[in-house]
C-alpha cells in the first residue's frame, strides 16, 4: 500500500484527517489526488488560523463564503508558497479546493462526527468562460527543443529535452509523465500510463520522442527506477527520487521567457497543444479523447476548439456556400 501524505492531524488541526486520507487511499484514489486533498485542506486550515483566528469547530457558512473570496483573491497564501501578486486561481482550481473541503465534511458525517457546516452549503463558483489561448505550433516546437540549446549540462539538456518531447508526443499529464519508470519504456513506442482514478491507457511516442528518450537513457549511469530523476539537490540519490512538478513547470516558464513566447505556456498548455494540433491535422475527436484519457467528450472538445484561426479555416473550407460565386 502506498504511504499516506506525511501531513498528520496535528499539522492540519482537523478531526479525523488521517482517517479521511486513508479512506481515499483505500478507495483507489491516486497518490497525486491524495496530495491534492492534503494541500487543499492545509490551505483551508491556514486560512482559518491566519485570516479568521477561528477553530474548525466554530466554522460558519459566512466563513465558507469568506474562504471562497480568499481563494479568488490575488494575495492569498497556498499551503506551500506565496504566489505572485497578480496570479489568481482560475475557477476550476477554486472549485477543486472547495470540493476537497466538501468531501471532507461528507466523510465526517459518514463517521457520525459533528460538522459545523453542512457539505451542501459549500457551493462552487461559476466557471470561467474565457477562451484558452494557445501558442502557435512553431512556438511550441521551439519550446520543446529549447533544452538542447539552453542547458549547459549535457545530461540535464538530454533529460529535459526528452521530457518535453514525451509531453508533446503523447499529450499526457505532467503527473503521468513524472510517475513513469524506466521499465515503462520498452522501445516499442507505446507507453501504458495510469491516469486519473488509476485508469490505464496507452499513449504513443513519435520517432523523434523515442530518439531523444533513448539518448537520455544512454547517458544515465544509475540504478534508479524512475524514468526522469533529479541530478542535483538533496533528493538526488534518495530512493525513488523523481523530478518534481514545480521543477518542470519552472523550466518551461524559463524557456518560454528566453524564447520570447508571449502567450503563457505550461505543461498543461503542451497537453492542450497536442489535442488542438492533432485535430487540425484531421484526427477524430474520439481518438483524441482516448489519447488524452478524458471521460467526457465535452472535455475533449474544449481542447480542440480553442483557436479562432482553426474555426475560421474550417468555415472557409466546409461552408456549403463556399463553392458558389455570385
C-alpha atoms as a PDB file:
ATOM      1  CA  UNK A   1       0.000   0.000   0.000  1.00  0.00           C
ATOM      2  CA  UNK A   2       1.271   3.480  -0.893  1.00  0.00           C
ATOM      3  CA  UNK A   3       2.342   5.650   2.010  1.00  0.00           C
ATOM      4  CA  UNK A   4      -0.078   8.348   3.057  1.00  0.00           C
ATOM      5  CA  UNK A   5       0.911  12.011   2.818  1.00  0.00           C
ATOM      6  CA  UNK A   6       3.187  12.959   5.699  1.00  0.00           C
ATOM      7  CA  UNK A   7       0.945  15.748   6.995  1.00  0.00           C
ATOM      8  CA  UNK A   8      -0.922  14.487  10.052  1.00  0.00           C
ATOM      9  CA  UNK A   9      -3.927  15.630  12.065  1.00  0.00           C
ATOM     10  CA  UNK A  10      -1.793  17.790  14.379  1.00  0.00           C
ATOM     11  CA  UNK A  11      -0.337  19.701  11.422  1.00  0.00           C
ATOM     12  CA  UNK A  12      -3.723  20.150   9.783  1.00  0.00           C
ATOM     13  CA  UNK A  13      -5.571  20.508  13.072  1.00  0.00           C
ATOM     14  CA  UNK A  14      -8.662  18.871  11.633  1.00  0.00           C
ATOM     15  CA  UNK A  15     -10.596  15.986  13.202  1.00  0.00           C
ATOM     16  CA  UNK A  16     -10.211  12.543  11.598  1.00  0.00           C
ATOM     17  CA  UNK A  17      -7.939  13.894   8.853  1.00  0.00           C
ATOM     18  CA  UNK A  18      -5.683  10.817   8.847  1.00  0.00           C
ATOM     19  CA  UNK A  19      -8.758   8.608   8.644  1.00  0.00           C
ATOM     20  CA  UNK A  20     -10.061  10.694   5.740  1.00  0.00           C
ATOM     21  CA  UNK A  21      -6.831  10.332   3.760  1.00  0.00           C
ATOM     22  CA  UNK A  22      -6.784   6.602   4.480  1.00  0.00           C
ATOM     23  CA  UNK A  23     -10.392   6.376   3.294  1.00  0.00           C
ATOM     24  CA  UNK A  24      -9.398   7.993  -0.013  1.00  0.00           C
ATOM     25  CA  UNK A  25      -6.433   5.671  -0.382  1.00  0.00           C
ATOM     26  CA  UNK A  26      -8.445   2.516   0.250  1.00  0.00           C
ATOM     27  CA  UNK A  27     -10.964   3.693  -2.351  1.00  0.00           C
ATOM     28  CA  UNK A  28      -8.231   3.615  -5.004  1.00  0.00           C
ATOM     29  CA  UNK A  29      -7.522   7.344  -5.267  1.00  0.00           C
ATOM     30  CA  UNK A  30      -4.111   8.075  -6.778  1.00  0.00           C
ATOM     31  CA  UNK A  31      -1.184   9.402  -4.739  1.00  0.00           C
ATOM     32  CA  UNK A  32      -1.389  12.673  -6.683  1.00  0.00           C
ATOM     33  CA  UNK A  33      -5.059  13.041  -5.702  1.00  0.00           C
ATOM     34  CA  UNK A  34      -4.228  12.368  -2.047  1.00  0.00           C
ATOM     35  CA  UNK A  35      -1.639  15.136  -2.075  1.00  0.00           C
ATOM     36  CA  UNK A  36      -4.113  17.482  -3.777  1.00  0.00           C
ATOM     37  CA  UNK A  37      -6.632  16.905  -0.985  1.00  0.00           C
ATOM     38  CA  UNK A  38      -3.898  17.392   1.583  1.00  0.00           C
ATOM     39  CA  UNK A  39      -2.729  20.681   0.056  1.00  0.00           C
ATOM     40  CA  UNK A  40      -6.283  21.985  -0.307  1.00  0.00           C
ATOM     41  CA  UNK A  41      -7.157  21.233   3.305  1.00  0.00           C
ATOM     42  CA  UNK A  42      -3.884  22.702   4.546  1.00  0.00           C
ATOM     43  CA  UNK A  43      -4.677  25.929   2.677  1.00  0.00           C
ATOM     44  CA  UNK A  44      -8.094  25.919   4.367  1.00  0.00           C
ATOM     45  CA  UNK A  45      -6.571  25.401   7.819  1.00  0.00           C
ATOM     46  CA  UNK A  46      -4.075  28.221   7.211  1.00  0.00           C
ATOM     47  CA  UNK A  47      -6.981  30.479   6.259  1.00  0.00           C
ATOM     48  CA  UNK A  48      -8.867  29.642   9.464  1.00  0.00           C
ATOM     49  CA  UNK A  49      -5.800  30.229  11.593  1.00  0.00           C
ATOM     50  CA  UNK A  50      -4.193  33.255   9.960  1.00  0.00           C
ATOM     51  CA  UNK A  51      -7.155  35.099   8.459  1.00  0.00           C
ATOM     52  CA  UNK A  52     -10.018  34.334  10.857  1.00  0.00           C
ATOM     53  CA  UNK A  53      -8.276  33.104  14.034  1.00  0.00           C
ATOM     54  CA  UNK A  54     -11.041  30.533  14.287  1.00  0.00           C
ATOM     55  CA  UNK A  55     -11.180  26.851  15.202  1.00  0.00           C
ATOM     56  CA  UNK A  56     -12.739  24.389  12.784  1.00  0.00           C
ATOM     57  CA  UNK A  57     -15.461  23.522  15.298  1.00  0.00           C
ATOM     58  CA  UNK A  58     -16.713  27.135  15.146  1.00  0.00           C
ATOM     59  CA  UNK A  59     -16.814  27.357  11.353  1.00  0.00           C
ATOM     60  CA  UNK A  60     -19.854  29.178   9.925  1.00  0.00           C
ATOM     61  CA  UNK A  61     -21.462  29.458   6.495  1.00  0.00           C
ATOM     62  CA  UNK A  62     -20.199  33.042   6.295  1.00  0.00           C
ATOM     63  CA  UNK A  63     -16.669  31.775   6.949  1.00  0.00           C
ATOM     64  CA  UNK A  64     -17.021  29.464   3.965  1.00  0.00           C
ATOM     65  CA  UNK A  65     -18.057  32.396   1.767  1.00  0.00           C
ATOM     66  CA  UNK A  66     -15.054  34.360   3.021  1.00  0.00           C
ATOM     67  CA  UNK A  67     -12.831  31.398   2.219  1.00  0.00           C
ATOM     68  CA  UNK A  68     -14.250  31.308  -1.294  1.00  0.00           C
ATOM     69  CA  UNK A  69     -13.443  35.017  -1.722  1.00  0.00           C
ATOM     70  CA  UNK A  70      -9.983  34.374  -0.299  1.00  0.00           C
ATOM     71  CA  UNK A  71      -9.293  31.672  -2.881  1.00  0.00           C
ATOM     72  CA  UNK A  72     -10.375  34.049  -5.641  1.00  0.00           C
ATOM     73  CA  UNK A  73      -8.108  36.858  -4.411  1.00  0.00           C
ATOM     74  CA  UNK A  74      -4.584  37.540  -5.666  1.00  0.00           C
ATOM     75  CA  UNK A  75      -2.991  37.923  -2.222  1.00  0.00           C
ATOM     76  CA  UNK A  76      -3.850  34.538  -0.742  1.00  0.00           C
ATOM     77  CA  UNK A  77      -1.260  32.067   0.520  1.00  0.00           C
ATOM     78  CA  UNK A  78      -1.237  28.460  -0.600  1.00  0.00           C
ATOM     79  CA  UNK A  79      -0.125  25.564   1.550  1.00  0.00           C
ATOM     80  CA  UNK A  80       3.344  25.806   0.042  1.00  0.00           C
ATOM     81  CA  UNK A  81       4.218  29.321  -1.039  1.00  0.00           C
ATOM     82  CA  UNK A  82       3.086  32.889  -1.566  1.00  0.00           C
ATOM     83  CA  UNK A  83       2.049  33.296  -5.175  1.00  0.00           C
ATOM     84  CA  UNK A  84       2.885  36.253  -7.382  1.00  0.00           C
ATOM     85  CA  UNK A  85       0.750  39.275  -6.601  1.00  0.00           C
ATOM     86  CA  UNK A  86      -1.014  39.213  -9.975  1.00  0.00           C
ATOM     87  CA  UNK A  87      -1.517  35.448 -10.156  1.00  0.00           C
ATOM     88  CA  UNK A  88      -5.066  34.281  -9.490  1.00  0.00           C
ATOM     89  CA  UNK A  89      -6.588  30.844  -9.335  1.00  0.00           C
ATOM     90  CA  UNK A  90      -8.985  30.007 -12.139  1.00  0.00           C
ATOM     91  CA  UNK A  91     -12.490  28.821 -11.340  1.00  0.00           C
ATOM     92  CA  UNK A  92     -11.506  25.188 -11.825  1.00  0.00           C
ATOM     93  CA  UNK A  93      -8.761  25.382  -9.182  1.00  0.00           C
ATOM     94  CA  UNK A  94     -11.044  27.214  -6.746  1.00  0.00           C
ATOM     95  CA  UNK A  95     -13.780  24.625  -7.215  1.00  0.00           C
ATOM     96  CA  UNK A  96     -11.287  21.812  -6.659  1.00  0.00           C
ATOM     97  CA  UNK A  97     -10.331  23.345  -3.296  1.00  0.00           C
ATOM     98  CA  UNK A  98     -13.979  23.776  -2.334  1.00  0.00           C
ATOM     99  CA  UNK A  99     -14.747  20.227  -3.454  1.00  0.00           C
ATOM    100  CA  UNK A 100     -11.941  18.897  -1.237  1.00  0.00           C
ATOM    101  CA  UNK A 101     -13.474  20.644   1.771  1.00  0.00           C
ATOM    102  CA  UNK A 102     -16.938  19.390   0.891  1.00  0.00           C
ATOM    103  CA  UNK A 103     -15.689  15.805   0.535  1.00  0.00           C
ATOM    104  CA  UNK A 104     -14.002  16.039   3.922  1.00  0.00           C
ATOM    105  CA  UNK A 105     -17.228  17.277   5.561  1.00  0.00           C
ATOM    106  CA  UNK A 106     -19.173  14.433   3.941  1.00  0.00           C
ATOM    107  CA  UNK A 107     -16.664  11.989   5.393  1.00  0.00           C
ATOM    108  CA  UNK A 108     -17.188  13.427   8.885  1.00  0.00           C
ATOM    109  CA  UNK A 109     -20.934  12.903   8.517  1.00  0.00           C
ATOM    110  CA  UNK A 110     -20.287   9.359   7.303  1.00  0.00           C
ATOM    111  CA  UNK A 111     -18.289   8.813  10.510  1.00  0.00           C
ATOM    112  CA  UNK A 112     -21.089  10.334  12.649  1.00  0.00           C
ATOM    113  CA  UNK A 113     -18.796  13.193  13.601  1.00  0.00           C
ATOM    114  CA  UNK A 114     -20.457  16.600  14.215  1.00  0.00           C
ATOM    115  CA  UNK A 115     -19.824  19.061  11.381  1.00  0.00           C
ATOM    116  CA  UNK A 116     -20.071  22.839  11.902  1.00  0.00           C
ATOM    117  CA  UNK A 117     -21.302  23.405   8.329  1.00  0.00           C
ATOM    118  CA  UNK A 118     -23.289  21.050   6.105  1.00  0.00           C
ATOM    119  CA  UNK A 119     -21.469  19.984   2.914  1.00  0.00           C
ATOM    120  CA  UNK A 120     -24.342  21.174   0.715  1.00  0.00           C
ATOM    121  CA  UNK A 121     -23.742  24.742   1.921  1.00  0.00           C
ATOM    122  CA  UNK A 122     -20.414  24.781   0.104  1.00  0.00           C
ATOM    123  CA  UNK A 123     -21.319  25.922  -3.386  1.00  0.00           C
ATOM    124  CA  UNK A 124     -18.985  26.028  -6.349  1.00  0.00           C
ATOM    125  CA  UNK A 125     -18.106  29.263  -8.144  1.00  0.00           C
ATOM    126  CA  UNK A 126     -19.250  29.932 -11.682  1.00  0.00           C
ATOM    127  CA  UNK A 127     -16.864  28.530 -14.262  1.00  0.00           C
ATOM    128  CA  UNK A 128     -14.747  30.877 -16.324  1.00  0.00           C
ATOM    129  CA  UNK A 129     -15.866  31.249 -19.917  1.00  0.00           C
ATOM    130  CA  UNK A 130     -12.695  32.874 -21.185  1.00  0.00           C
ATOM    131  CA  UNK A 131     -11.145  31.410 -24.295  1.00  0.00           C
ATOM    132  CA  UNK A 132      -7.989  29.395 -23.819  1.00  0.00           C
ATOM    133  CA  UNK A 133      -5.016  30.996 -25.600  1.00  0.00           C
ATOM    134  CA  UNK A 134      -2.518  28.680 -27.197  1.00  0.00           C
ATOM    135  CA  UNK A 135       0.917  29.348 -28.650  1.00  0.00           C
ATOM    136  CA  UNK A 136       1.365  28.739 -32.374  1.00  0.00           C
ATOM    137  CA  UNK A 137       2.736  25.353 -33.403  1.00  0.00           C
ATOM    138  CA  UNK A 138       6.183  26.722 -34.440  1.00  0.00           C
ATOM    139  CA  UNK A 139       6.486  28.291 -30.969  1.00  0.00           C
ATOM    140  CA  UNK A 140       5.542  25.011 -29.291  1.00  0.00           C
ATOM    141  CA  UNK A 141       8.207  23.224 -31.331  1.00  0.00           C
ATOM    142  CA  UNK A 142      10.847  25.805 -30.337  1.00  0.00           C
ATOM    143  CA  UNK A 143       9.824  25.388 -26.694  1.00  0.00           C
ATOM    144  CA  UNK A 144      10.196  21.615 -26.876  1.00  0.00           C
ATOM    145  CA  UNK A 145      13.629  21.926 -28.473  1.00  0.00           C
ATOM    146  CA  UNK A 146      14.827  24.643 -26.053  1.00  0.00           C
ATOM    147  CA  UNK A 147      16.664  22.426 -23.508  1.00  0.00           C
ATOM    148  CA  UNK A 148      19.174  21.298 -26.142  1.00  0.00           C
ATOM    149  CA  UNK A 149      20.462  24.850 -26.611  1.00  0.00           C
ATOM    150  CA  UNK A 150      19.680  26.499 -23.272  1.00  0.00           C
ATOM    151  CA  UNK A 151      21.044  23.914 -20.816  1.00  0.00           C
ATOM    152  CA  UNK A 152      24.824  23.763 -20.214  1.00  0.00           C
ATOM    153  CA  UNK A 153      24.922  20.323 -18.589  1.00  0.00           C
ATOM    154  CA  UNK A 154      24.616  17.647 -21.330  1.00  0.00           C
ATOM    155  CA  UNK A 155      22.690  15.243 -19.097  1.00  0.00           C
ATOM    156  CA  UNK A 156      20.231  17.905 -17.933  1.00  0.00           C
ATOM    157  CA  UNK A 157      19.791  19.028 -21.535  1.00  0.00           C
ATOM    158  CA  UNK A 158      19.115  15.446 -22.659  1.00  0.00           C
ATOM    159  CA  UNK A 159      16.723  14.751 -19.775  1.00  0.00           C
ATOM    160  CA  UNK A 160      14.711  17.967 -20.166  1.00  0.00           C
ATOM    161  CA  UNK A 161      14.542  17.591 -23.946  1.00  0.00           C
ATOM    162  CA  UNK A 162      13.263  14.043 -23.508  1.00  0.00           C
ATOM    163  CA  UNK A 163      10.599  15.205 -21.036  1.00  0.00           C
ATOM    164  CA  UNK A 164       9.405  17.934 -23.387  1.00  0.00           C
ATOM    165  CA  UNK A 165       9.348  15.599 -26.383  1.00  0.00           C
ATOM    166  CA  UNK A 166       7.381  12.939 -24.494  1.00  0.00           C
ATOM    167  CA  UNK A 167       4.875  15.521 -23.229  1.00  0.00           C
ATOM    168  CA  UNK A 168       4.003  16.767 -26.703  1.00  0.00           C
ATOM    169  CA  UNK A 169       4.290  13.359 -28.348  1.00  0.00           C
ATOM    170  CA  UNK A 170       1.761  11.732 -26.025  1.00  0.00           C
ATOM    171  CA  UNK A 171      -0.378  14.557 -24.626  1.00  0.00           C
ATOM    172  CA  UNK A 172      -0.041  13.022 -21.159  1.00  0.00           C
ATOM    173  CA  UNK A 173      -0.495  14.969 -17.943  1.00  0.00           C
ATOM    174  CA  UNK A 174       2.593  16.220 -16.127  1.00  0.00           C
ATOM    175  CA  UNK A 175       1.771  13.939 -13.171  1.00  0.00           C
ATOM    176  CA  UNK A 176       1.618  10.961 -15.541  1.00  0.00           C
ATOM    177  CA  UNK A 177       4.950  11.899 -17.114  1.00  0.00           C
ATOM    178  CA  UNK A 178       6.786  12.263 -13.816  1.00  0.00           C
ATOM    179  CA  UNK A 179       5.434   8.993 -12.412  1.00  0.00           C
ATOM    180  CA  UNK A 180       6.889   6.925 -15.284  1.00  0.00           C
ATOM    181  CA  UNK A 181       9.528   4.293 -14.543  1.00  0.00           C
ATOM    182  CA  UNK A 182      12.306   3.159 -16.881  1.00  0.00           C
ATOM    183  CA  UNK A 183      10.560  -0.181 -17.320  1.00  0.00           C
ATOM    184  CA  UNK A 184       7.550   1.617 -18.810  1.00  0.00           C
ATOM    185  CA  UNK A 185       9.627   2.492 -21.887  1.00  0.00           C
ATOM    186  CA  UNK A 186      10.209  -0.689 -23.896  1.00  0.00           C
ATOM    187  CA  UNK A 187      11.272   0.850 -27.237  1.00  0.00           C
ATOM    188  CA  UNK A 188       8.006  -0.103 -28.972  1.00  0.00           C
ATOM    189  CA  UNK A 189       6.813   3.487 -28.891  1.00  0.00           C
ATOM    190  CA  UNK A 190       3.842   2.583 -26.705  1.00  0.00           C
ATOM    191  CA  UNK A 191       3.591   3.507 -23.041  1.00  0.00           C
ATOM    192  CA  UNK A 192       0.908   2.409 -20.603  1.00  0.00           C
ATOM    193  CA  UNK A 193       0.144   5.304 -18.260  1.00  0.00           C
ATOM    194  CA  UNK A 194      -2.019   5.415 -15.166  1.00  0.00           C
ATOM    195  CA  UNK A 195      -4.248   8.491 -15.236  1.00  0.00           C
ATOM    196  CA  UNK A 196      -6.940   9.937 -13.014  1.00  0.00           C
ATOM    197  CA  UNK A 197      -8.681   7.364 -10.871  1.00  0.00           C
ATOM    198  CA  UNK A 198      -5.808   4.963 -11.594  1.00  0.00           C
ATOM    199  CA  UNK A 199      -7.307   4.278 -15.031  1.00  0.00           C
ATOM    200  CA  UNK A 200      -4.799   2.915 -17.523  1.00  0.00           C
ATOM    201  CA  UNK A 201      -4.480   3.891 -21.177  1.00  0.00           C
ATOM    202  CA  UNK A 202      -1.964   3.542 -23.983  1.00  0.00           C
ATOM    203  CA  UNK A 203      -0.139   6.582 -25.338  1.00  0.00           C
ATOM    204  CA  UNK A 204       2.273   6.683 -28.241  1.00  0.00           C
ATOM    205  CA  UNK A 205       5.697   8.181 -28.878  1.00  0.00           C
ATOM    206  CA  UNK A 206       6.760   9.847 -32.104  1.00  0.00           C
ATOM    207  CA  UNK A 207      10.018   8.682 -33.666  1.00  0.00           C
ATOM    208  CA  UNK A 208      11.769  11.846 -32.511  1.00  0.00           C
ATOM    209  CA  UNK A 209      10.469  11.384 -28.960  1.00  0.00           C
ATOM    210  CA  UNK A 210      11.888   7.839 -28.928  1.00  0.00           C
ATOM    211  CA  UNK A 211      15.179   9.178 -30.274  1.00  0.00           C
ATOM    212  CA  UNK A 212      15.630  11.774 -27.531  1.00  0.00           C
ATOM    213  CA  UNK A 213      14.430   9.418 -24.825  1.00  0.00           C
ATOM    214  CA  UNK A 214      16.994   6.843 -25.930  1.00  0.00           C
ATOM    215  CA  UNK A 215      19.753   9.462 -25.992  1.00  0.00           C
ATOM    216  CA  UNK A 216      18.888  10.446 -22.422  1.00  0.00           C
ATOM    217  CA  UNK A 217      18.810   6.874 -21.123  1.00  0.00           C
ATOM    218  CA  UNK A 218      22.195   6.091 -22.687  1.00  0.00           C
ATOM    219  CA  UNK A 219      23.675   8.870 -20.527  1.00  0.00           C
ATOM    220  CA  UNK A 220      22.113   7.534 -17.330  1.00  0.00           C
ATOM    221  CA  UNK A 221      24.667   5.875 -15.028  1.00  0.00           C
ATOM    222  CA  UNK A 222      22.450   4.870 -12.119  1.00  0.00           C
ATOM    223  CA  UNK A 223      20.107   2.166 -10.888  1.00  0.00           C
ATOM    224  CA  UNK A 224      17.148   4.432 -10.069  1.00  0.00           C
ATOM    225  CA  UNK A 225      13.828   3.084 -11.305  1.00  0.00           C
ATOM    226  CA  UNK A 226      12.236   6.435 -12.211  1.00  0.00           C
ATOM    227  CA  UNK A 227      12.416   7.499 -15.846  1.00  0.00           C
ATOM    228  CA  UNK A 228      13.154  11.152 -15.041  1.00  0.00           C
ATOM    229  CA  UNK A 229      15.316  11.820 -11.988  1.00  0.00           C
ATOM    230  CA  UNK A 230      16.886  14.911 -10.381  1.00  0.00           C
ATOM    231  CA  UNK A 231      20.639  15.263 -10.849  1.00  0.00           C
ATOM    232  CA  UNK A 232      21.248  17.835  -8.127  1.00  0.00           C
ATOM    233  CA  UNK A 233      19.951  18.711  -4.669  1.00  0.00           C
ATOM    234  CA  UNK A 234      19.044  16.742  -1.571  1.00  0.00           C
ATOM    235  CA  UNK A 235      16.766  14.302  -3.427  1.00  0.00           C
ATOM    236  CA  UNK A 236      19.441  13.267  -5.946  1.00  0.00           C
ATOM    237  CA  UNK A 237      20.243   9.798  -4.584  1.00  0.00           C
ATOM    238  CA  UNK A 238      17.187   9.094  -2.446  1.00  0.00           C
ATOM    239  CA  UNK A 239      15.076   6.020  -3.095  1.00  0.00           C
ATOM    240  CA  UNK A 240      12.502   6.505  -5.851  1.00  0.00           C
ATOM    241  CA  UNK A 241      13.619  10.102  -6.434  1.00  0.00           C
ATOM    242  CA  UNK A 242      11.784  11.875  -9.243  1.00  0.00           C
ATOM    243  CA  UNK A 243      11.695  15.234 -10.973  1.00  0.00           C
ATOM    244  CA  UNK A 244       9.185  17.475  -9.212  1.00  0.00           C
ATOM    245  CA  UNK A 245       6.191  19.117 -10.839  1.00  0.00           C
ATOM    246  CA  UNK A 246       7.476  22.539  -9.764  1.00  0.00           C
ATOM    247  CA  UNK A 247      10.880  21.977 -11.377  1.00  0.00           C
ATOM    248  CA  UNK A 248       9.480  21.133 -14.795  1.00  0.00           C
ATOM    249  CA  UNK A 249       6.916  23.954 -14.726  1.00  0.00           C
ATOM    250  CA  UNK A 250       9.677  26.401 -13.739  1.00  0.00           C
ATOM    251  CA  UNK A 251      11.872  25.212 -16.598  1.00  0.00           C
ATOM    252  CA  UNK A 252       9.069  25.535 -19.145  1.00  0.00           C
ATOM    253  CA  UNK A 253       8.412  29.091 -17.966  1.00  0.00           C
ATOM    254  CA  UNK A 254      12.117  29.922 -18.190  1.00  0.00           C
ATOM    255  CA  UNK A 255      12.431  28.510 -21.718  1.00  0.00           C
ATOM    256  CA  UNK A 256       9.336  30.435 -22.816  1.00  0.00           C
ATOM    257  CA  UNK A 257      10.691  33.712 -21.467  1.00  0.00           C
ATOM    258  CA  UNK A 258      14.097  33.236 -23.116  1.00  0.00           C
ATOM    259  CA  UNK A 259      12.429  32.396 -26.432  1.00  0.00           C
ATOM    260  CA  UNK A 260      10.145  35.424 -26.190  1.00  0.00           C
ATOM    261  CA  UNK A 261       6.916  33.424 -26.397  1.00  0.00           C
ATOM    262  CA  UNK A 262       4.288  35.907 -25.210  1.00  0.00           C
ATOM    263  CA  UNK A 263       1.398  33.526 -24.530  1.00  0.00           C
ATOM    264  CA  UNK A 264       1.775  31.889 -21.081  1.00  0.00           C
ATOM    265  CA  UNK A 265       2.638  28.236 -21.654  1.00  0.00           C
ATOM    266  CA  UNK A 266       2.808  25.406 -19.122  1.00  0.00           C
ATOM    267  CA  UNK A 267       2.951  21.619 -19.196  1.00  0.00           C
ATOM    268  CA  UNK A 268      -0.846  21.661 -19.386  1.00  0.00           C
ATOM    269  CA  UNK A 269      -0.631  24.047 -22.356  1.00  0.00           C
ATOM    270  CA  UNK A 270       1.529  21.490 -24.156  1.00  0.00           C
ATOM    271  CA  UNK A 271      -1.207  18.919 -23.495  1.00  0.00           C
ATOM    272  CA  UNK A 272      -3.734  21.393 -24.925  1.00  0.00           C
ATOM    273  CA  UNK A 273      -1.486  21.916 -27.947  1.00  0.00           C
ATOM    274  CA  UNK A 274      -1.341  18.160 -28.514  1.00  0.00           C
ATOM    275  CA  UNK A 275      -5.144  17.931 -28.706  1.00  0.00           C
ATOM    276  CA  UNK A 276      -5.607  21.093 -30.753  1.00  0.00           C
ATOM    277  CA  UNK A 277      -2.980  20.433 -33.390  1.00  0.00           C
ATOM    278  CA  UNK A 278      -3.895  16.748 -33.670  1.00  0.00           C
ATOM    279  CA  UNK A 279      -7.426  17.917 -34.502  1.00  0.00           C
ATOM    280  CA  UNK A 280      -6.134  20.416 -37.034  1.00  0.00           C
ATOM    281  CA  UNK A 281      -4.257  17.609 -38.769  1.00  0.00           C
ATOM    282  CA  UNK A 282      -7.502  15.641 -39.053  1.00  0.00           C
ATOM    283  CA  UNK A 283      -7.545  13.344 -36.004  1.00  0.00           C
ATOM    284  CA  UNK A 284     -11.032  12.371 -34.830  1.00  0.00           C
ATOM    285  CA  UNK A 285     -12.392  13.759 -31.586  1.00  0.00           C
ATOM    286  CA  UNK A 286     -12.949  10.230 -30.262  1.00  0.00           C
ATOM    287  CA  UNK A 287      -9.327   9.259 -30.916  1.00  0.00           C
ATOM    288  CA  UNK A 288      -8.084  12.412 -29.192  1.00  0.00           C
ATOM    289  CA  UNK A 289     -10.382  11.672 -26.246  1.00  0.00           C
ATOM    290  CA  UNK A 290      -8.821   8.223 -25.866  1.00  0.00           C
ATOM    291  CA  UNK A 291      -5.274   9.562 -26.125  1.00  0.00           C
ATOM    292  CA  UNK A 292      -5.888  12.307 -23.558  1.00  0.00           C
ATOM    293  CA  UNK A 293      -7.723   9.980 -21.177  1.00  0.00           C
ATOM    294  CA  UNK A 294     -10.862  12.096 -20.923  1.00  0.00           C
ATOM    295  CA  UNK A 295     -14.033  10.507 -19.581  1.00  0.00           C
ATOM    296  CA  UNK A 296     -16.225  13.158 -21.174  1.00  0.00           C
ATOM    297  CA  UNK A 297     -16.199  14.101 -24.847  1.00  0.00           C
ATOM    298  CA  UNK A 298     -17.168  17.631 -23.768  1.00  0.00           C
ATOM    299  CA  UNK A 299     -13.798  17.984 -22.059  1.00  0.00           C
ATOM    300  CA  UNK A 300     -12.019  16.972 -25.251  1.00  0.00           C
ATOM    301  CA  UNK A 301     -13.930  19.472 -27.378  1.00  0.00           C
ATOM    302  CA  UNK A 302     -12.676  22.256 -25.113  1.00  0.00           C
ATOM    303  CA  UNK A 303      -9.152  21.214 -26.028  1.00  0.00           C
ATOM    304  CA  UNK A 304      -9.641  21.199 -29.780  1.00  0.00           C
ATOM    305  CA  UNK A 305     -11.920  24.199 -30.298  1.00  0.00           C
ATOM    306  CA  UNK A 306      -9.720  26.815 -28.704  1.00  0.00           C
ATOM    307  CA  UNK A 307      -8.478  28.764 -31.679  1.00  0.00           C
ATOM    308  CA  UNK A 308     -10.382  31.261 -33.814  1.00  0.00           C
ATOM    309  CA  UNK A 309      -7.947  30.561 -36.645  1.00  0.00           C
ATOM    310  CA  UNK A 310      -8.974  26.894 -36.739  1.00  0.00           C
ATOM    311  CA  UNK A 311     -12.663  27.833 -36.697  1.00  0.00           C
ATOM    312  CA  UNK A 312     -12.159  30.384 -39.477  1.00  0.00           C
ATOM    313  CA  UNK A 313     -10.288  27.918 -41.691  1.00  0.00           C
ATOM    314  CA  UNK A 314     -12.971  25.287 -41.123  1.00  0.00           C
ATOM    315  CA  UNK A 315     -15.686  27.811 -42.019  1.00  0.00           C
ATOM    316  CA  UNK A 316     -13.988  28.759 -45.291  1.00  0.00           C
ATOM    317  CA  UNK A 317     -13.338  25.129 -46.202  1.00  0.00           C
ATOM    318  CA  UNK A 318     -16.596  23.457 -45.256  1.00  0.00           C
ATOM    319  CA  UNK A 319     -19.374  26.063 -45.522  1.00  0.00           C
ATOM    320  CA  UNK A 320     -21.893  24.821 -48.140  1.00  0.00           C
ATOM    321  CA  UNK A 321     -21.926  28.157 -49.972  1.00  0.00           C
ATOM    322  CA  UNK A 322     -18.148  28.444 -50.229  1.00  0.00           C
ATOM    323  CA  UNK A 323     -18.205  26.729 -53.629  1.00  0.00           C
ATOM    324  CA  UNK A 324     -20.717  29.119 -55.096  1.00  0.00           C
ATOM    325  CA  UNK A 325     -19.951  32.507 -56.646  1.00  0.00           C
ATOM    326  CA  UNK A 326     -22.305  35.359 -57.421  1.00  0.00           C
END
